[in-house]
Amino acid sequence: MMNLKTWIAAGAALATLGLAPAMAQTAYKDEYRVSTVVPAPFPWGLAAERWAELTAERTDGRIKMKIYPGVQLVQGDQTREFTALRQGVIDMAVGSTINWSPQITELNLFSLPFLMPDYAALDALTHGPVGEKLFDIVEKKGAIPLAWAENGFREVTNSKHPIRTPADMQGLKLRVVGSPIYNDMFTALGANPTQMSWADAQPALTTGAVDGQENPLTIYTVLKMHELGQTNVTMWGYVADPLIFAVNPEVFNSFTPEDQEILRQAAIDAGTYGVEVARKGLTGGDTSLIDQVKGYGVDVVTLTDEERQQFVDATRGVYDAWKEKIGVDLVNEAEESIKNR
C-alpha cells in the first residue's frame, strides 16, 4: 500500500505528464442541472440545448448538462432563479436579465422604457463596456457569467383592441413579469398591470382573467397566442430581454482551467446561435415572423415614430426614476454607447 509521500509523488508525476485534468474529472458530477424558463423550440431553450451539446462534445463527455425548463428547479418562480444559482441549488442557468433584476438592480438597465431603439443598440450594450461592467456586477453578486444570448424585444398583445396610443391602454389588465419597473411602466400608461409568473399567465390568458401580455414575438408564435384570444399585437420594442449564461462559482471552480474555457466558449457559441434564432424573421428586411402572425388573422400594428414618441413621453418619469435606482453613471454610459453605435 502506498504511503502519503508516495501518493503525493505519484500525483506530481501525473501532473507533469499532463494528466491532471483526468484526475480532476473524478470529482465532476454525473449531471449538471441547467435552469431555463422556457424549453426548445423557443430561442431561449434552443440556446441552452446548444450549450449543453457543445460542452459535452468538446469535453468528451466530462461535463454532462441536463436542461430543466419551466423553472422546475425554483418552484415555478422565475425571479428566484438567480438566488438558487448563487446558493448552489442549481448548477448553471441561461437566465433572463429581467428575472434576475430583483437581485441585481443594475440589470433593470435593459428594462428602461425605450432606451434601445434597435438591435444595434442592444448589441452596443451587451458587447461593449456596459456589458463588461454588468458581468463584473453579476460575478460580485455570486455567479460566474460566461456569455450573452437574448429572448428578444418585447411586444404588447391583447384581446380587446389595437394599441396605437397610451390612451388605448387605459384599463387593460395586462400580465407583466415580477419586476417592479414593469408595474411602474404600465401604470404610467394607464393600464392595470398584474404581476404573475409565466406558468400562471397562460391559464389567465385562456380564461380571460387578464386581457393581454408583453413578450417577444417568438414566444407569441410558438405558444400560438392568437388561439388564446391575443388577436392584437403592437410592435413597439419598448424593452429587450438579454439572457446570460452563468455558472455557480463552486461548480465553475471545480472544473480544470481547460474545461472552464471550453464551457465559456461553448456558451459564447451557443449565445451567438441563440441570438440568430431570436432575430430570425425580424431583422435585415426579413419580416417572415411578422407575416406569419398576420397570417393568423391577427391585427399587427407597427408604430410610427410619432406614435412611439407618445409612449416615450408617457413613461419618461419612470425612466428618470429608475435611472437613479440603476445608477446614473451606468445609464449615462449606456446612453452614450447607444448614441455611438
Protein backbone atom coordinates (compact mmCIF):
# COMPACT_ATOMS: atom_id res chain seq x y z
CA MET A 1 0.00 0.00 0.00
CA MET A 2 1.33 3.49 -0.91
CA ASN A 3 2.11 5.84 1.97
CA LEU A 4 1.22 9.56 1.86
CA LYS A 5 4.55 10.63 0.39
CA THR A 6 4.21 8.07 -2.39
CA TRP A 7 0.70 9.33 -3.24
CA ILE A 8 1.96 12.92 -3.41
CA ALA A 9 4.83 11.91 -5.62
CA ALA A 10 2.51 9.95 -7.90
CA GLY A 11 0.16 12.92 -8.19
CA ALA A 12 3.02 15.21 -9.09
CA ALA A 13 4.19 12.78 -11.73
CA LEU A 14 0.72 12.61 -13.29
CA ALA A 15 0.51 16.39 -13.35
CA THR A 16 3.90 16.54 -15.06
CA LEU A 17 2.62 14.14 -17.68
CA GLY A 18 -0.37 16.38 -18.32
CA LEU A 19 -2.85 14.01 -16.70
CA ALA A 20 -4.13 16.37 -14.01
CA PRO A 21 -7.41 17.05 -15.89
CA ALA A 22 -8.22 13.34 -15.79
CA MET A 23 -7.65 13.31 -12.02
CA ALA A 24 -9.86 16.38 -11.60
CA GLN A 25 -12.52 14.73 -13.69
CA THR A 26 -13.15 12.16 -10.97
CA ALA A 27 -14.64 14.99 -8.86
CA TYR A 28 -17.09 16.03 -11.58
CA LYS A 29 -20.78 15.40 -11.09
CA ASP A 30 -22.62 12.86 -13.19
CA GLU A 31 -25.01 15.61 -14.24
CA TYR A 32 -25.11 19.40 -14.03
CA ARG A 33 -28.55 20.91 -13.75
CA VAL A 34 -29.23 23.88 -16.03
CA SER A 35 -32.26 26.07 -15.37
CA THR A 36 -34.22 27.91 -18.06
CA VAL A 37 -37.68 29.44 -18.08
CA VAL A 38 -38.78 28.02 -21.42
CA PRO A 39 -37.63 24.98 -23.44
CA ALA A 40 -36.95 24.44 -27.11
CA PRO A 41 -38.30 25.33 -29.66
CA PHE A 42 -38.15 28.79 -28.07
CA PRO A 43 -34.82 30.51 -28.90
CA TRP A 44 -34.07 30.59 -25.18
CA GLY A 45 -34.38 26.82 -24.85
CA LEU A 46 -32.55 26.21 -28.12
CA ALA A 47 -29.59 28.26 -26.88
CA ALA A 48 -29.46 26.27 -23.64
CA GLU A 49 -29.59 22.97 -25.51
CA ARG A 50 -26.82 24.08 -27.85
CA TRP A 51 -24.66 24.99 -24.85
CA ALA A 52 -25.12 21.55 -23.36
CA GLU A 53 -24.44 19.80 -26.65
CA LEU A 54 -21.27 21.78 -27.44
CA THR A 55 -19.94 21.35 -23.92
CA ALA A 56 -20.48 17.59 -23.87
CA GLU A 57 -18.90 17.24 -27.31
CA ARG A 58 -15.86 19.40 -26.58
CA THR A 59 -15.16 17.89 -23.14
CA ASP A 60 -15.58 14.33 -24.44
CA GLY A 61 -18.47 13.89 -22.06
CA ARG A 62 -16.68 15.10 -18.93
CA ILE A 63 -19.32 17.79 -18.38
CA LYS A 64 -22.84 16.48 -18.86
CA MET A 65 -25.55 19.11 -18.61
CA LYS A 66 -29.29 18.49 -18.36
CA ILE A 67 -31.75 21.26 -19.17
CA TYR A 68 -34.60 21.81 -16.71
CA PRO A 69 -37.08 24.20 -18.37
CA GLY A 70 -40.19 25.73 -16.88
CA VAL A 71 -38.28 26.85 -13.77
CA GLN A 72 -38.74 23.36 -12.35
CA LEU A 73 -35.79 23.91 -10.03
CA VAL A 74 -37.17 27.07 -8.40
CA GLN A 75 -40.77 26.06 -7.64
CA GLY A 76 -42.12 27.85 -10.69
CA ASP A 77 -40.97 31.32 -9.62
CA GLN A 78 -38.61 32.60 -12.28
CA THR A 79 -37.49 35.56 -10.15
CA ARG A 80 -35.89 33.12 -7.67
CA GLU A 81 -33.55 31.64 -10.26
CA PHE A 82 -30.50 33.81 -9.57
CA THR A 83 -30.73 33.21 -5.83
CA ALA A 84 -30.91 29.47 -6.43
CA LEU A 85 -27.91 29.65 -8.75
CA ARG A 86 -25.88 31.65 -6.26
CA GLN A 87 -26.75 29.26 -3.44
CA GLY A 88 -25.88 26.17 -5.47
CA VAL A 89 -29.43 24.83 -5.61
CA ILE A 90 -28.90 24.79 -9.36
CA ASP A 91 -25.54 24.42 -11.10
CA MET A 92 -25.96 26.58 -14.17
CA ALA A 93 -28.57 28.72 -15.86
CA VAL A 94 -29.45 30.57 -19.01
CA GLY A 95 -31.25 33.35 -17.25
CA SER A 96 -33.19 36.47 -18.17
CA THR A 97 -31.89 39.85 -17.10
CA ILE A 98 -35.49 40.68 -16.22
CA ASN A 99 -35.87 37.68 -13.93
CA TRP A 100 -32.54 38.34 -12.23
CA SER A 101 -33.14 42.07 -11.78
CA PRO A 102 -34.84 41.73 -8.35
CA GLN A 103 -31.46 40.55 -7.02
CA ILE A 104 -29.26 42.63 -9.36
CA THR A 105 -30.78 46.09 -9.69
CA GLU A 106 -28.39 47.12 -12.46
CA LEU A 107 -29.91 44.55 -14.82
CA ASN A 108 -33.01 46.74 -14.93
CA LEU A 109 -30.99 48.77 -17.42
CA PHE A 110 -32.43 46.69 -20.26
CA SER A 111 -35.94 47.38 -18.94
CA LEU A 112 -35.67 51.16 -19.10
CA PRO A 113 -38.57 52.09 -21.38
CA PHE A 114 -37.49 52.80 -24.95
CA LEU A 115 -33.76 53.01 -24.13
CA MET A 116 -32.82 50.74 -27.04
CA PRO A 117 -34.36 51.68 -30.41
CA ASP A 118 -32.96 48.73 -32.34
CA TYR A 119 -30.79 45.61 -32.27
CA ALA A 120 -27.63 47.63 -32.90
CA ALA A 121 -28.34 49.50 -29.67
CA LEU A 122 -28.80 46.24 -27.78
CA ASP A 123 -25.54 44.87 -29.20
CA ALA A 124 -23.73 48.08 -28.26
CA LEU A 125 -24.63 47.37 -24.64
CA THR A 126 -24.12 43.63 -24.35
CA HIS A 127 -20.90 43.57 -26.39
CA GLY A 128 -19.42 46.81 -25.11
CA PRO A 129 -18.09 48.29 -21.86
CA VAL A 130 -21.57 48.30 -20.30
CA GLY A 131 -21.87 44.55 -20.80
CA GLU A 132 -18.45 44.03 -19.22
CA LYS A 133 -19.43 46.09 -16.19
CA LEU A 134 -22.67 44.16 -15.81
CA PHE A 135 -20.77 40.87 -15.91
CA ASP A 136 -18.47 42.17 -13.15
CA ILE A 137 -21.55 43.03 -11.09
CA VAL A 138 -23.12 39.59 -11.67
CA GLU A 139 -19.89 37.91 -10.57
CA LYS A 140 -19.71 40.03 -7.42
CA LYS A 141 -23.31 39.04 -6.68
CA GLY A 142 -22.35 35.37 -6.71
CA ALA A 143 -22.42 33.76 -10.17
CA ILE A 144 -19.89 33.38 -12.99
CA PRO A 145 -21.29 34.93 -16.20
CA LEU A 146 -19.94 33.49 -19.44
CA ALA A 147 -21.87 34.84 -22.42
CA TRP A 148 -24.94 36.67 -23.71
CA ALA A 149 -27.93 35.47 -25.70
CA GLU A 150 -31.36 37.05 -25.97
CA ASN A 151 -35.06 36.46 -25.62
CA GLY A 152 -35.78 39.46 -27.85
CA PHE A 153 -37.56 42.79 -27.92
CA ARG A 154 -40.87 42.60 -26.10
CA GLU A 155 -44.13 43.49 -27.87
CA VAL A 156 -47.55 44.05 -26.31
CA THR A 157 -50.63 41.97 -27.18
CA ASN A 158 -54.23 41.98 -26.03
CA SER A 159 -57.68 40.56 -26.73
CA LYS A 160 -59.63 43.83 -26.82
CA HIS A 161 -58.45 46.28 -29.49
CA PRO A 162 -55.40 47.60 -31.36
CA ILE A 163 -52.97 49.74 -29.36
CA ARG A 164 -51.58 52.83 -31.09
CA THR A 165 -51.52 55.39 -28.28
CA PRO A 166 -51.26 55.33 -24.50
CA ALA A 167 -54.99 56.08 -24.41
CA ASP A 168 -55.62 52.66 -25.95
CA MET A 169 -54.08 51.04 -22.88
CA GLN A 170 -56.44 52.64 -20.40
CA GLY A 171 -57.87 49.99 -18.08
CA LEU A 172 -56.38 46.98 -19.89
CA LYS A 173 -55.47 44.24 -17.45
CA LEU A 174 -52.04 43.10 -18.60
CA ARG A 175 -49.83 40.34 -17.27
CA VAL A 176 -46.31 41.61 -16.57
CA VAL A 177 -43.21 39.96 -15.14
CA GLY A 178 -42.46 40.20 -11.45
CA SER A 179 -40.09 43.14 -11.60
CA PRO A 180 -41.29 46.46 -10.12
CA ILE A 181 -40.25 48.60 -13.09
CA TYR A 182 -42.88 46.85 -15.24
CA ASN A 183 -45.61 47.67 -12.77
CA ASP A 184 -44.44 51.29 -12.84
CA MET A 185 -44.34 51.47 -16.65
CA PHE A 186 -47.77 50.03 -17.31
CA THR A 187 -49.34 52.03 -14.52
CA ALA A 188 -47.90 55.18 -16.10
CA LEU A 189 -49.51 54.13 -19.39
CA GLY A 190 -52.91 53.80 -17.74
CA ALA A 191 -53.08 50.01 -17.84
CA ASN A 192 -53.82 47.69 -14.93
CA PRO A 193 -50.64 45.57 -14.62
CA THR A 194 -50.84 42.20 -12.92
CA GLN A 195 -47.58 40.54 -11.96
CA MET A 196 -47.53 36.77 -12.31
CA SER A 197 -45.17 34.01 -13.35
CA TRP A 198 -45.38 32.70 -16.89
CA ALA A 199 -46.72 29.40 -15.53
CA ASP A 200 -49.75 31.31 -14.22
CA ALA A 201 -50.03 33.63 -17.20
CA GLN A 202 -51.11 31.09 -19.81
CA PRO A 203 -54.25 29.91 -17.98
CA ALA A 204 -55.04 33.54 -17.11
CA LEU A 205 -54.99 34.43 -20.81
CA THR A 206 -57.09 31.40 -21.65
CA THR A 207 -59.82 32.28 -19.18
CA GLY A 208 -59.70 35.99 -19.89
CA ALA A 209 -58.62 36.79 -16.35
CA VAL A 210 -56.13 39.13 -18.00
CA ASP A 211 -56.62 40.98 -21.27
CA GLY A 212 -53.08 40.84 -22.57
CA GLN A 213 -49.38 40.43 -22.01
CA GLU A 214 -45.97 41.50 -23.32
CA ASN A 215 -43.32 39.15 -24.70
CA PRO A 216 -41.06 38.66 -27.70
CA LEU A 217 -42.85 37.64 -30.87
CA THR A 218 -41.08 34.27 -30.83
CA ILE A 219 -42.91 33.46 -27.59
CA TYR A 220 -46.18 34.56 -29.16
CA THR A 221 -45.82 32.35 -32.24
CA VAL A 222 -44.57 29.19 -30.54
CA LEU A 223 -47.39 29.35 -27.99
CA LYS A 224 -49.95 30.27 -30.67
CA MET A 225 -51.28 33.08 -28.55
CA HIS A 226 -53.80 34.00 -31.20
CA GLU A 227 -55.63 30.89 -30.02
CA LEU A 228 -55.67 32.39 -26.51
CA GLY A 229 -57.57 35.42 -27.76
CA GLN A 230 -54.50 37.58 -28.27
CA THR A 231 -55.59 38.93 -31.63
CA ASN A 232 -53.97 42.37 -31.36
CA VAL A 233 -50.20 42.82 -31.47
CA THR A 234 -48.38 46.15 -31.26
CA MET A 235 -44.74 46.18 -32.37
CA TRP A 236 -43.28 48.82 -30.10
CA GLY A 237 -39.99 47.24 -28.95
CA TYR A 238 -40.15 49.11 -25.67
CA VAL A 239 -37.59 46.93 -23.87
CA ALA A 240 -35.35 43.98 -24.70
CA ASP A 241 -34.58 40.86 -22.70
CA PRO A 242 -30.95 39.70 -22.95
CA LEU A 243 -30.07 36.32 -21.49
CA ILE A 244 -26.97 35.40 -19.50
CA PHE A 245 -25.21 32.03 -19.45
CA ALA A 246 -23.91 31.64 -15.90
CA VAL A 247 -22.45 29.04 -13.53
CA ASN A 248 -22.37 28.65 -9.78
CA PRO A 249 -18.85 29.65 -8.62
CA GLU A 250 -18.16 26.42 -6.73
CA VAL A 251 -19.19 24.39 -9.74
CA PHE A 252 -17.10 26.50 -12.10
CA ASN A 253 -14.04 26.31 -9.85
CA SER A 254 -14.35 22.52 -9.67
CA PHE A 255 -13.50 22.33 -13.38
CA THR A 256 -9.99 22.33 -14.75
CA PRO A 257 -8.87 25.58 -16.41
CA GLU A 258 -9.12 23.78 -19.75
CA ASP A 259 -12.71 22.76 -19.13
CA GLN A 260 -13.59 26.20 -17.79
CA GLU A 261 -12.50 27.70 -21.08
CA ILE A 262 -14.38 25.04 -23.07
CA LEU A 263 -17.54 25.77 -21.09
CA ARG A 264 -17.11 29.52 -21.66
CA GLN A 265 -16.50 29.23 -25.38
CA ALA A 266 -19.41 26.81 -25.77
CA ALA A 267 -21.63 29.41 -24.07
CA ILE A 268 -20.37 32.14 -26.41
CA ASP A 269 -21.04 29.98 -29.46
CA ALA A 270 -24.46 28.91 -28.16
CA GLY A 271 -25.26 32.55 -27.43
CA THR A 272 -24.43 33.56 -30.99
CA TYR A 273 -26.74 30.83 -32.23
CA GLY A 274 -29.47 31.86 -29.80
CA VAL A 275 -29.35 35.47 -30.98
CA GLU A 276 -29.63 34.38 -34.61
CA VAL A 277 -32.69 32.27 -33.84
CA ALA A 278 -34.30 35.01 -31.72
CA ARG A 279 -33.94 37.58 -34.53
CA LYS A 280 -34.94 35.35 -37.41
CA GLY A 281 -37.81 36.88 -39.36
CA LEU A 282 -37.48 40.22 -37.59
CA THR A 283 -34.34 41.87 -38.96
CA GLY A 284 -32.44 42.68 -42.12
CA GLY A 285 -35.56 43.19 -44.19
CA ASP A 286 -36.85 39.73 -43.25
CA THR A 287 -40.38 40.14 -41.88
CA SER A 288 -41.40 36.50 -42.18
CA LEU A 289 -42.22 36.14 -38.48
CA ILE A 290 -44.46 39.21 -38.56
CA ASP A 291 -46.06 37.91 -41.76
CA GLN A 292 -46.69 34.60 -40.03
CA VAL A 293 -48.58 36.35 -37.23
CA LYS A 294 -50.62 38.37 -39.72
CA GLY A 295 -51.46 35.10 -41.44
CA TYR A 296 -53.32 34.03 -38.29
CA GLY A 297 -55.74 36.90 -38.85
CA VAL A 298 -54.10 38.96 -36.14
CA ASP A 299 -54.10 42.77 -36.29
CA VAL A 300 -50.39 43.74 -36.17
CA VAL A 301 -49.68 47.41 -35.50
CA THR A 302 -46.22 48.85 -36.16
CA LEU A 303 -45.94 52.24 -34.52
CA THR A 304 -44.84 55.28 -36.48
CA ASP A 305 -42.09 57.41 -34.96
CA GLU A 306 -44.70 59.92 -33.83
CA GLU A 307 -46.86 57.25 -32.20
CA ARG A 308 -43.86 55.71 -30.48
CA GLN A 309 -42.86 59.09 -29.08
CA GLN A 310 -46.17 59.33 -27.24
CA PHE A 311 -45.23 56.18 -25.28
CA VAL A 312 -41.73 57.51 -24.69
CA ASP A 313 -43.16 60.72 -23.25
CA ALA A 314 -45.70 58.87 -21.10
CA THR A 315 -43.02 56.69 -19.49
CA ARG A 316 -40.29 59.31 -19.14
CA GLY A 317 -40.97 59.78 -15.45
CA VAL A 318 -40.46 56.04 -14.89
CA TYR A 319 -37.24 56.18 -16.92
CA ASP A 320 -35.85 59.03 -14.84
CA ALA A 321 -36.81 57.45 -11.51
CA TRP A 322 -35.26 54.10 -12.40
CA LYS A 323 -32.15 55.72 -13.81
CA GLU A 324 -31.42 56.82 -10.25
CA LYS A 325 -32.05 53.32 -8.88
CA ILE A 326 -29.96 51.54 -11.52
CA GLY A 327 -27.10 54.01 -11.30
CA VAL A 328 -26.80 57.31 -13.15
CA ASP A 329 -23.25 56.64 -14.32
CA LEU A 330 -24.13 53.23 -15.74
CA VAL A 331 -27.20 54.54 -17.55
CA ASN A 332 -25.25 57.52 -18.90
CA GLU A 333 -22.63 55.15 -20.27
CA ALA A 334 -25.36 53.03 -21.85
CA GLU A 335 -26.92 56.09 -23.46
CA GLU A 336 -23.53 57.13 -24.84
CA SER A 337 -22.81 53.63 -26.18
CA ILE A 338 -26.15 53.64 -27.99
CA LYS A 339 -25.56 57.12 -29.36
CA ASN A 340 -22.21 56.00 -30.78
CA ARG A 341 -23.42 52.68 -32.16
